Amino acid sequence: MWLNQLKIAVSQKDMDLLGSLLADIPNLTDKEELDSAIVLLAQAKEIIQELQNETAASMKQIKKNLEFLKSTETTQPHRLDVKS
Protein backbone atom coordinates (compact mmCIF):
# COMPACT_ATOMS: atom_id res chain seq x y z
CA MET A 1 0.00 0.00 0.00
CA TRP A 2 2.75 2.48 0.96
CA LEU A 3 4.70 1.67 -2.19
CA ASN A 4 1.63 2.25 -4.38
CA GLN A 5 1.04 5.59 -2.64
CA LEU A 6 4.68 6.50 -3.24
CA LYS A 7 4.33 5.66 -6.94
CA ILE A 8 1.29 7.93 -7.14
CA ALA A 9 3.02 10.78 -5.27
CA VAL A 10 6.08 10.62 -7.52
CA SER A 11 4.14 10.36 -10.77
CA GLN A 12 1.84 13.25 -9.81
CA LYS A 13 4.61 15.27 -8.14
CA ASP A 14 2.35 15.56 -5.09
CA MET A 15 4.57 17.13 -2.44
CA ASP A 16 1.97 16.91 0.33
CA LEU A 17 1.46 13.18 -0.16
CA LEU A 18 5.18 12.66 -0.58
CA GLY A 19 5.89 14.48 2.66
CA SER A 20 3.41 12.39 4.61
CA LEU A 21 4.79 9.18 3.10
CA LEU A 22 8.36 10.13 3.94
CA ALA A 23 7.33 10.86 7.52
CA ASP A 24 6.04 7.30 7.90
CA ILE A 25 8.34 4.94 5.97
CA PRO A 26 7.46 1.32 6.68
CA ASN A 27 9.96 -1.45 7.25
CA LEU A 28 10.12 -3.14 3.83
CA THR A 29 11.47 -6.68 3.82
CA ASP A 30 10.83 -7.92 0.29
CA LYS A 31 13.85 -7.32 -2.00
CA GLU A 32 11.64 -6.35 -4.93
CA GLU A 33 9.76 -3.81 -2.81
CA LEU A 34 13.03 -2.42 -1.49
CA ASP A 35 14.43 -2.00 -5.00
CA SER A 36 11.24 -0.25 -6.14
CA ALA A 37 11.29 2.01 -3.09
CA ILE A 38 14.92 2.97 -3.71
CA VAL A 39 14.18 3.91 -7.33
CA LEU A 40 11.07 5.87 -6.37
CA LEU A 41 12.85 7.70 -3.55
CA ALA A 42 15.64 8.66 -5.94
CA GLN A 43 13.02 10.05 -8.34
CA ALA A 44 11.36 11.90 -5.46
CA LYS A 45 14.72 13.43 -4.54
CA GLU A 46 15.17 14.66 -8.12
CA ILE A 47 11.68 16.18 -8.12
CA ILE A 48 12.34 17.96 -4.82
CA GLN A 49 15.67 19.33 -6.07
CA GLU A 50 14.02 20.50 -9.28
CA LEU A 51 11.29 22.30 -7.33
CA GLN A 52 13.90 23.87 -5.03
CA ASN A 53 15.81 25.18 -8.05
CA GLU A 54 12.61 26.59 -9.58
CA THR A 55 11.72 28.25 -6.29
CA ALA A 56 15.19 29.77 -5.97
CA ALA A 57 15.00 31.12 -9.53
CA SER A 58 11.56 32.59 -8.85
CA MET A 59 12.79 34.23 -5.67
CA LYS A 60 15.75 35.77 -7.51
CA GLN A 61 13.43 37.11 -10.20
CA ILE A 62 11.07 38.59 -7.61
CA LYS A 63 14.02 40.25 -5.86
CA LYS A 64 15.19 41.75 -9.17
CA ASN A 65 11.66 42.97 -9.91
CA LEU A 66 11.37 44.58 -6.47
CA GLU A 67 14.75 46.27 -6.86
CA PHE A 68 13.68 47.60 -10.26
CA LEU A 69 10.40 48.91 -8.90
CA LYS A 70 12.17 50.60 -5.99
CA SER A 71 14.66 52.22 -8.37
CA THR A 72 11.87 53.72 -10.49
CA GLU A 73 9.94 55.19 -7.55
CA THR A 74 9.79 58.93 -7.42
CA THR A 75 10.28 60.46 -4.05
CA GLN A 76 7.46 62.70 -2.95
CA PRO A 77 8.18 65.68 -0.75
CA HIS A 78 7.10 65.52 2.85
CA ARG A 79 4.31 67.81 3.93
CA LEU A 80 6.59 69.69 6.26
CA ASP A 81 9.40 70.10 3.73
CA VAL A 82 9.87 73.89 3.55
CA LYS A 83 12.32 73.75 0.61
CA SER A 84 9.63 72.79 -1.92
PDB file of N, CA and C in Angstrom:
ATOM      1  N   MET A   1       0.818  -1.188   0.000  1.00  0.00           N
ATOM      2  CA  MET A   1       0.000   0.000   0.000  1.00  0.00           C
ATOM      3  C   MET A   1       0.869   1.263   0.000  1.00  0.00           C
ATOM      4  N   TRP A   2       1.878   1.313   0.883  1.00  0.00           N
ATOM      5  CA  TRP A   2       2.748   2.475   0.961  1.00  0.00           C
ATOM      6  C   TRP A   2       3.490   2.678  -0.353  1.00  0.00           C
ATOM      7  N   LEU A   3       3.951   1.583  -0.933  1.00  0.00           N
ATOM      8  CA  LEU A   3       4.697   1.666  -2.187  1.00  0.00           C
ATOM      9  C   LEU A   3       3.811   2.198  -3.314  1.00  0.00           C
ATOM     10  N   ASN A   4       2.570   1.758  -3.357  1.00  0.00           N
ATOM     11  CA  ASN A   4       1.632   2.253  -4.376  1.00  0.00           C
ATOM     12  C   ASN A   4       1.379   3.747  -4.184  1.00  0.00           C
ATOM     13  N   GLN A   5       1.238   4.168  -2.935  1.00  0.00           N
ATOM     14  CA  GLN A   5       1.039   5.585  -2.644  1.00  0.00           C
ATOM     15  C   GLN A   5       2.270   6.396  -3.071  1.00  0.00           C
ATOM     16  N   LEU A   6       3.450   5.826  -2.843  1.00  0.00           N
ATOM     17  CA  LEU A   6       4.685   6.496  -3.243  1.00  0.00           C
ATOM     18  C   LEU A   6       4.762   6.636  -4.761  1.00  0.00           C
ATOM     19  N   LYS A   7       4.362   5.596  -5.475  1.00  0.00           N
ATOM     20  CA  LYS A   7       4.328   5.663  -6.942  1.00  0.00           C
ATOM     21  C   LYS A   7       3.410   6.785  -7.406  1.00  0.00           C
ATOM     22  N   ILE A   8       2.252   6.894  -6.783  1.00  0.00           N
ATOM     23  CA  ILE A   8       1.292   7.935  -7.144  1.00  0.00           C
ATOM     24  C   ILE A   8       1.873   9.316  -6.844  1.00  0.00           C
ATOM     25  N   ALA A   9       2.453   9.482  -5.668  1.00  0.00           N
ATOM     26  CA  ALA A   9       3.017  10.778  -5.271  1.00  0.00           C
ATOM     27  C   ALA A   9       4.124  11.217  -6.222  1.00  0.00           C
ATOM     28  N   VAL A  10       4.975  10.291  -6.611  1.00  0.00           N
ATOM     29  CA  VAL A  10       6.082  10.622  -7.516  1.00  0.00           C
ATOM     30  C   VAL A  10       5.551  10.938  -8.913  1.00  0.00           C
ATOM     31  N   SER A  11       4.635  10.135  -9.410  1.00  0.00           N
ATOM     32  CA  SER A  11       4.139  10.359 -10.770  1.00  0.00           C
ATOM     33  C   SER A  11       3.335  11.651 -10.879  1.00  0.00           C
ATOM     34  N   GLN A  12       2.632  12.024  -9.792  1.00  0.00           N
ATOM     35  CA  GLN A  12       1.841  13.252  -9.812  1.00  0.00           C
ATOM     36  C   GLN A  12       2.586  14.450  -9.238  1.00  0.00           C
ATOM     37  N   LYS A  13       3.801  14.229  -8.778  1.00  0.00           N
ATOM     38  CA  LYS A  13       4.612  15.273  -8.142  1.00  0.00           C
ATOM     39  C   LYS A  13       3.825  15.934  -7.007  1.00  0.00           C
ATOM     40  N   ASP A  14       3.178  15.105  -6.205  1.00  0.00           N
ATOM     41  CA  ASP A  14       2.350  15.561  -5.092  1.00  0.00           C
ATOM     42  C   ASP A  14       3.223  15.681  -3.844  1.00  0.00           C
ATOM     43  N   MET A  15       3.653  16.904  -3.553  1.00  0.00           N
ATOM     44  CA  MET A  15       4.574  17.126  -2.443  1.00  0.00           C
ATOM     45  C   MET A  15       3.925  16.873  -1.085  1.00  0.00           C
ATOM     46  N   ASP A  16       2.649  17.155  -0.952  1.00  0.00           N
ATOM     47  CA  ASP A  16       1.970  16.911   0.327  1.00  0.00           C
ATOM     48  C   ASP A  16       1.932  15.418   0.643  1.00  0.00           C
ATOM     49  N   LEU A  17       1.519  14.629  -0.343  1.00  0.00           N
ATOM     50  CA  LEU A  17       1.460  13.176  -0.156  1.00  0.00           C
ATOM     51  C   LEU A  17       2.862  12.617   0.052  1.00  0.00           C
ATOM     52  N   LEU A  18       3.805  13.117  -0.708  1.00  0.00           N
ATOM     53  CA  LEU A  18       5.184  12.657  -0.581  1.00  0.00           C
ATOM     54  C   LEU A  18       5.730  12.948   0.817  1.00  0.00           C
ATOM     55  N   GLY A  19       5.443  14.126   1.326  1.00  0.00           N
ATOM     56  CA  GLY A  19       5.893  14.477   2.665  1.00  0.00           C
ATOM     57  C   GLY A  19       5.314  13.570   3.735  1.00  0.00           C
ATOM     58  N   SER A  20       4.029  13.261   3.606  1.00  0.00           N
ATOM     59  CA  SER A  20       3.412  12.386   4.611  1.00  0.00           C
ATOM     60  C   SER A  20       3.940  10.959   4.498  1.00  0.00           C
ATOM     61  N   LEU A  21       4.236  10.519   3.287  1.00  0.00           N
ATOM     62  CA  LEU A  21       4.792   9.175   3.102  1.00  0.00           C
ATOM     63  C   LEU A  21       6.220   9.087   3.646  1.00  0.00           C
ATOM     64  N   LEU A  22       6.989  10.132   3.452  1.00  0.00           N
ATOM     65  CA  LEU A  22       8.363  10.127   3.943  1.00  0.00           C
ATOM     66  C   LEU A  22       8.416  10.209   5.468  1.00  0.00           C
ATOM     67  N   ALA A  23       7.382  10.777   6.058  1.00  0.00           N
ATOM     68  CA  ALA A  23       7.334  10.862   7.520  1.00  0.00           C
ATOM     69  C   ALA A  23       7.021   9.511   8.151  1.00  0.00           C
ATOM     70  N   ASP A  24       6.465   8.592   7.357  1.00  0.00           N
ATOM     71  CA  ASP A  24       6.038   7.302   7.900  1.00  0.00           C
ATOM     72  C   ASP A  24       6.488   6.166   6.975  1.00  0.00           C
ATOM     73  N   ILE A  25       7.799   5.990   6.846  1.00  0.00           N
ATOM     74  CA  ILE A  25       8.338   4.939   5.971  1.00  0.00           C
ATOM     75  C   ILE A  25       8.235   3.595   6.693  1.00  0.00           C
ATOM     76  N   PRO A  26       7.588   2.636   6.041  1.00  0.00           N
ATOM     77  CA  PRO A  26       7.462   1.317   6.679  1.00  0.00           C
ATOM     78  C   PRO A  26       8.754   0.518   6.565  1.00  0.00           C
ATOM     79  N   ASN A  27       8.818  -0.557   7.301  1.00  0.00           N
ATOM     80  CA  ASN A  27       9.963  -1.452   7.255  1.00  0.00           C
ATOM     81  C   ASN A  27       9.718  -2.480   6.139  1.00  0.00           C
ATOM     82  N   LEU A  28      10.304  -2.251   4.980  1.00  0.00           N
ATOM     83  CA  LEU A  28      10.122  -3.137   3.833  1.00  0.00           C
ATOM     84  C   LEU A  28      11.113  -4.299   3.923  1.00  0.00           C
ATOM     85  N   THR A  29      10.609  -5.500   3.708  1.00  0.00           N
ATOM     86  CA  THR A  29      11.471  -6.679   3.818  1.00  0.00           C
ATOM     87  C   THR A  29      11.675  -7.393   2.490  1.00  0.00           C
ATOM     88  N   ASP A  30      10.739  -7.255   1.587  1.00  0.00           N
ATOM     89  CA  ASP A  30      10.832  -7.920   0.290  1.00  0.00           C
ATOM     90  C   ASP A  30      11.854  -7.184  -0.586  1.00  0.00           C
ATOM     91  N   LYS A  31      12.788  -7.930  -1.187  1.00  0.00           N
ATOM     92  CA  LYS A  31      13.845  -7.319  -2.001  1.00  0.00           C
ATOM     93  C   LYS A  31      13.266  -6.521  -3.161  1.00  0.00           C
ATOM     94  N   GLU A  32      12.245  -7.044  -3.790  1.00  0.00           N
ATOM     95  CA  GLU A  32      11.635  -6.352  -4.925  1.00  0.00           C
ATOM     96  C   GLU A  32      11.005  -5.023  -4.483  1.00  0.00           C
ATOM     97  N   GLU A  33      10.346  -5.038  -3.337  1.00  0.00           N
ATOM     98  CA  GLU A  33       9.761  -3.809  -2.808  1.00  0.00           C
ATOM     99  C   GLU A  33      10.847  -2.805  -2.431  1.00  0.00           C
ATOM    100  N   LEU A  34      11.917  -3.298  -1.845  1.00  0.00           N
ATOM    101  CA  LEU A  34      13.035  -2.415  -1.486  1.00  0.00           C
ATOM    102  C   LEU A  34      13.650  -1.758  -2.715  1.00  0.00           C
ATOM    103  N   ASP A  35      13.856  -2.548  -3.764  1.00  0.00           N
ATOM    104  CA  ASP A  35      14.426  -2.000  -4.998  1.00  0.00           C
ATOM    105  C   ASP A  35      13.501  -0.940  -5.590  1.00  0.00           C
ATOM    106  N   SER A  36      12.207  -1.223  -5.612  1.00  0.00           N
ATOM    107  CA  SER A  36      11.243  -0.252  -6.137  1.00  0.00           C
ATOM    108  C   SER A  36      11.240   1.017  -5.298  1.00  0.00           C
ATOM    109  N   ALA A  37      11.286   0.853  -3.988  1.00  0.00           N
ATOM    110  CA  ALA A  37      11.289   2.012  -3.095  1.00  0.00           C
ATOM    111  C   ALA A  37      12.527   2.864  -3.307  1.00  0.00           C
ATOM    112  N   ILE A  38      13.668   2.236  -3.494  1.00  0.00           N
ATOM    113  CA  ILE A  38      14.923   2.974  -3.713  1.00  0.00           C
ATOM    114  C   ILE A  38      14.832   3.801  -4.989  1.00  0.00           C
ATOM    115  N   VAL A  39      14.317   3.197  -6.057  1.00  0.00           N
ATOM    116  CA  VAL A  39      14.183   3.912  -7.331  1.00  0.00           C
ATOM    117  C   VAL A  39      13.203   5.069  -7.182  1.00  0.00           C
ATOM    118  N   LEU A  40      12.070   4.824  -6.535  1.00  0.00           N
ATOM    119  CA  LEU A  40      11.065   5.873  -6.368  1.00  0.00           C
ATOM    120  C   LEU A  40      11.569   7.001  -5.471  1.00  0.00           C
ATOM    121  N   LEU A  41      12.296   6.665  -4.427  1.00  0.00           N
ATOM    122  CA  LEU A  41      12.845   7.697  -3.549  1.00  0.00           C
ATOM    123  C   LEU A  41      13.906   8.531  -4.267  1.00  0.00           C
ATOM    124  N   ALA A  42      14.663   7.908  -5.146  1.00  0.00           N
ATOM    125  CA  ALA A  42      15.636   8.661  -5.944  1.00  0.00           C
ATOM    126  C   ALA A  42      14.911   9.629  -6.879  1.00  0.00           C
ATOM    127  N   GLN A  43      13.815   9.171  -7.474  1.00  0.00           N
ATOM    128  CA  GLN A  43      13.022  10.054  -8.340  1.00  0.00           C
ATOM    129  C   GLN A  43      12.404  11.188  -7.529  1.00  0.00           C
ATOM    130  N   ALA A  44      11.934  10.873  -6.331  1.00  0.00           N
ATOM    131  CA  ALA A  44      11.357  11.898  -5.460  1.00  0.00           C
ATOM    132  C   ALA A  44      12.404  12.945  -5.109  1.00  0.00           C
ATOM    133  N   LYS A  45      13.626  12.504  -4.857  1.00  0.00           N
ATOM    134  CA  LYS A  45      14.717  13.432  -4.543  1.00  0.00           C
ATOM    135  C   LYS A  45      14.972  14.372  -5.719  1.00  0.00           C
ATOM    136  N   GLU A  46      14.962  13.842  -6.933  1.00  0.00           N
ATOM    137  CA  GLU A  46      15.170  14.664  -8.122  1.00  0.00           C
ATOM    138  C   GLU A  46      14.053  15.693  -8.278  1.00  0.00           C
ATOM    139  N   ILE A  47      12.820  15.266  -8.022  1.00  0.00           N
ATOM    140  CA  ILE A  47      11.685  16.178  -8.116  1.00  0.00           C
ATOM    141  C   ILE A  47      11.820  17.301  -7.098  1.00  0.00           C
ATOM    142  N   ILE A  48      12.191  16.958  -5.879  1.00  0.00           N
ATOM    143  CA  ILE A  48      12.335  17.961  -4.822  1.00  0.00           C
ATOM    144  C   ILE A  48      13.446  18.944  -5.178  1.00  0.00           C
ATOM    145  N   GLN A  49      14.567  18.444  -5.685  1.00  0.00           N
ATOM    146  CA  GLN A  49      15.668  19.334  -6.070  1.00  0.00           C
ATOM    147  C   GLN A  49      15.248  20.247  -7.217  1.00  0.00           C
ATOM    148  N   GLU A  50      14.501  19.706  -8.163  1.00  0.00           N
ATOM    149  CA  GLU A  50      14.018  20.504  -9.285  1.00  0.00           C
ATOM    150  C   GLU A  50      13.094  21.626  -8.788  1.00  0.00           C
ATOM    151  N   LEU A  51      12.196  21.290  -7.878  1.00  0.00           N
ATOM    152  CA  LEU A  51      11.294  22.300  -7.327  1.00  0.00           C
ATOM    153  C   LEU A  51      12.055  23.344  -6.512  1.00  0.00           C
ATOM    154  N   GLN A  52      13.085  22.917  -5.785  1.00  0.00           N
ATOM    155  CA  GLN A  52      13.903  23.867  -5.033  1.00  0.00           C
ATOM    156  C   GLN A  52      14.611  24.836  -5.976  1.00  0.00           C
ATOM    157  N   ASN A  53      15.128  24.320  -7.075  1.00  0.00           N
ATOM    158  CA  ASN A  53      15.810  25.177  -8.051  1.00  0.00           C
ATOM    159  C   ASN A  53      14.832  26.168  -8.679  1.00  0.00           C
ATOM    160  N   GLU A  54      13.626  25.702  -9.001  1.00  0.00           N
ATOM    161  CA  GLU A  54      12.610  26.589  -9.575  1.00  0.00           C
ATOM    162  C   GLU A  54      12.220  27.670  -8.577  1.00  0.00           C
ATOM    163  N   THR A  55      12.081  27.285  -7.326  1.00  0.00           N
ATOM    164  CA  THR A  55      11.724  28.255  -6.290  1.00  0.00           C
ATOM    165  C   THR A  55      12.830  29.287  -6.117  1.00  0.00           C
ATOM    166  N   ALA A  56      14.065  28.842  -6.107  1.00  0.00           N
ATOM    167  CA  ALA A  56      15.192  29.769  -5.972  1.00  0.00           C
ATOM    168  C   ALA A  56      15.234  30.744  -7.145  1.00  0.00           C
ATOM    169  N   ALA A  57      15.000  30.252  -8.353  1.00  0.00           N
ATOM    170  CA  ALA A  57      14.996  31.117  -9.534  1.00  0.00           C
ATOM    171  C   ALA A  57      13.850  32.127  -9.456  1.00  0.00           C
ATOM    172  N   SER A  58      12.704  31.683  -8.993  1.00  0.00           N
ATOM    173  CA  SER A  58      11.560  32.594  -8.849  1.00  0.00           C
ATOM    174  C   SER A  58      11.841  33.663  -7.809  1.00  0.00           C
ATOM    175  N   MET A  59      12.467  33.268  -6.716  1.00  0.00           N
ATOM    176  CA  MET A  59      12.791  34.234  -5.667  1.00  0.00           C
ATOM    177  C   MET A  59      13.792  35.271  -6.170  1.00  0.00           C
ATOM    178  N   LYS A  60      14.781  34.834  -6.944  1.00  0.00           N
ATOM    179  CA  LYS A  60      15.752  35.773  -7.509  1.00  0.00           C
ATOM    180  C   LYS A  60      15.068  36.756  -8.447  1.00  0.00           C
ATOM    181  N   GLN A  61      14.131  36.240  -9.267  1.00  0.00           N
ATOM    182  CA  GLN A  61      13.425  37.109 -10.203  1.00  0.00           C
ATOM    183  C   GLN A  61      12.552  38.112  -9.460  1.00  0.00           C
ATOM    184  N   ILE A  62      11.890  37.677  -8.403  1.00  0.00           N
ATOM    185  CA  ILE A  62      11.067  38.588  -7.606  1.00  0.00           C
ATOM    186  C   ILE A  62      11.935  39.668  -6.975  1.00  0.00           C
ATOM    187  N   LYS A  63      13.105  39.275  -6.467  1.00  0.00           N
ATOM    188  CA  LYS A  63      14.017  40.248  -5.864  1.00  0.00           C
ATOM    189  C   LYS A  63      14.461  41.282  -6.896  1.00  0.00           C
ATOM    190  N   LYS A  64      14.787  40.822  -8.104  1.00  0.00           N
ATOM    191  CA  LYS A  64      15.187  41.753  -9.166  1.00  0.00           C
ATOM    192  C   LYS A  64      14.037  42.690  -9.514  1.00  0.00           C
ATOM    193  N   ASN A  65      12.821  42.146  -9.586  1.00  0.00           N
ATOM    194  CA  ASN A  65      11.661  42.970  -9.911  1.00  0.00           C
ATOM    195  C   ASN A  65      11.417  44.028  -8.837  1.00  0.00           C
ATOM    196  N   LEU A  66      11.544  43.628  -7.563  1.00  0.00           N
ATOM    197  CA  LEU A  66      11.367  44.585  -6.474  1.00  0.00           C
ATOM    198  C   LEU A  66      12.427  45.673  -6.508  1.00  0.00           C
ATOM    199  N   GLU A  67      13.677  45.287  -6.770  1.00  0.00           N
ATOM    200  CA  GLU A  67      14.750  46.275  -6.864  1.00  0.00           C
ATOM    201  C   GLU A  67      14.494  47.253  -8.006  1.00  0.00           C
ATOM    202  N   PHE A  68      13.993  46.733  -9.124  1.00  0.00           N
ATOM    203  CA  PHE A  68      13.679  47.599 -10.257  1.00  0.00           C
ATOM    204  C   PHE A  68      12.562  48.568  -9.898  1.00  0.00           C
ATOM    205  N   LEU A  69      11.521  48.046  -9.276  1.00  0.00           N
ATOM    206  CA  LEU A  69      10.400  48.909  -8.898  1.00  0.00           C
ATOM    207  C   LEU A  69      10.831  49.984  -7.905  1.00  0.00           C
ATOM    208  N   LYS A  70      11.682  49.612  -6.962  1.00  0.00           N
ATOM    209  CA  LYS A  70      12.165  50.599  -5.995  1.00  0.00           C
ATOM    210  C   LYS A  70      13.024  51.656  -6.670  1.00  0.00           C
ATOM    211  N   SER A  71      13.789  51.264  -7.692  1.00  0.00           N
ATOM    212  CA  SER A  71      14.658  52.224  -8.366  1.00  0.00           C
ATOM    213  C   SER A  71      13.867  53.195  -9.241  1.00  0.00           C
ATOM    214  N   THR A  72      12.672  52.836  -9.628  1.00  0.00           N
ATOM    215  CA  THR A  72      11.875  53.718 -10.486  1.00  0.00           C
ATOM    216  C   THR A  72      10.885  54.566  -9.695  1.00  0.00           C
ATOM    217  N   GLU A  73      10.840  54.384  -8.371  1.00  0.00           N
ATOM    218  CA  GLU A  73       9.942  55.190  -7.551  1.00  0.00           C
ATOM    219  C   GLU A  73      10.408  56.632  -7.528  1.00  0.00           C
ATOM    220  N   THR A  74       9.449  57.515  -7.578  1.00  0.00           N
ATOM    221  CA  THR A  74       9.791  58.931  -7.417  1.00  0.00           C
ATOM    222  C   THR A  74       9.543  59.285  -5.966  1.00  0.00           C
ATOM    223  N   THR A  75      10.445  60.072  -5.450  1.00  0.00           N
ATOM    224  CA  THR A  75      10.284  60.463  -4.048  1.00  0.00           C
ATOM    225  C   THR A  75       9.362  61.669  -3.986  1.00  0.00           C
ATOM    226  N   GLN A  76       8.395  61.607  -3.115  1.00  0.00           N
ATOM    227  CA  GLN A  76       7.457  62.705  -2.955  1.00  0.00           C
ATOM    228  C   GLN A  76       7.883  63.529  -1.745  1.00  0.00           C
ATOM    229  N   PRO A  77       7.765  64.831  -1.871  1.00  0.00           N
ATOM    230  CA  PRO A  77       8.181  65.683  -0.746  1.00  0.00           C
ATOM    231  C   PRO A  77       7.269  65.455   0.463  1.00  0.00           C
ATOM    232  N   HIS A  78       7.865  65.620   1.614  1.00  0.00           N
ATOM    233  CA  HIS A  78       7.096  65.516   2.845  1.00  0.00           C
ATOM    234  C   HIS A  78       6.247  66.773   3.011  1.00  0.00           C
ATOM    235  N   ARG A  79       5.195  66.682   3.736  1.00  0.00           N
ATOM    236  CA  ARG A  79       4.313  67.812   3.934  1.00  0.00           C
ATOM    237  C   ARG A  79       5.011  68.970   4.654  1.00  0.00           C
ATOM    238  N   LEU A  80       5.932  68.650   5.497  1.00  0.00           N
ATOM    239  CA  LEU A  80       6.594  69.690   6.262  1.00  0.00           C
ATOM    240  C   LEU A  80       7.910  70.145   5.634  1.00  0.00           C
ATOM    241  N   ASP A  81       8.165  69.718   4.411  1.00  0.00           N
ATOM    242  CA  ASP A  81       9.395  70.102   3.726  1.00  0.00           C
ATOM    243  C   ASP A  81       9.264  71.551   3.260  1.00  0.00           C
ATOM    244  N   VAL A  82       9.991  72.476   3.861  1.00  0.00           N
ATOM    245  CA  VAL A  82       9.873  73.890   3.551  1.00  0.00           C
ATOM    246  C   VAL A  82      10.661  74.300   2.303  1.00  0.00           C
ATOM    247  N   LYS A  83      11.507  73.427   1.791  1.00  0.00           N
ATOM    248  CA  LYS A  83      12.323  73.746   0.614  1.00  0.00           C
ATOM    249  C   LYS A  83      11.523  73.665  -0.671  1.00  0.00           C
ATOM    250  N   SER A  84      10.399  72.965  -0.696  1.00  0.00           N
ATOM    251  CA  SER A  84       9.629  72.785  -1.925  1.00  0.00           C
ATOM    252  C   SER A  84       8.885  74.001  -2.349  1.00  0.00           C
TER     253      SER A  84
END
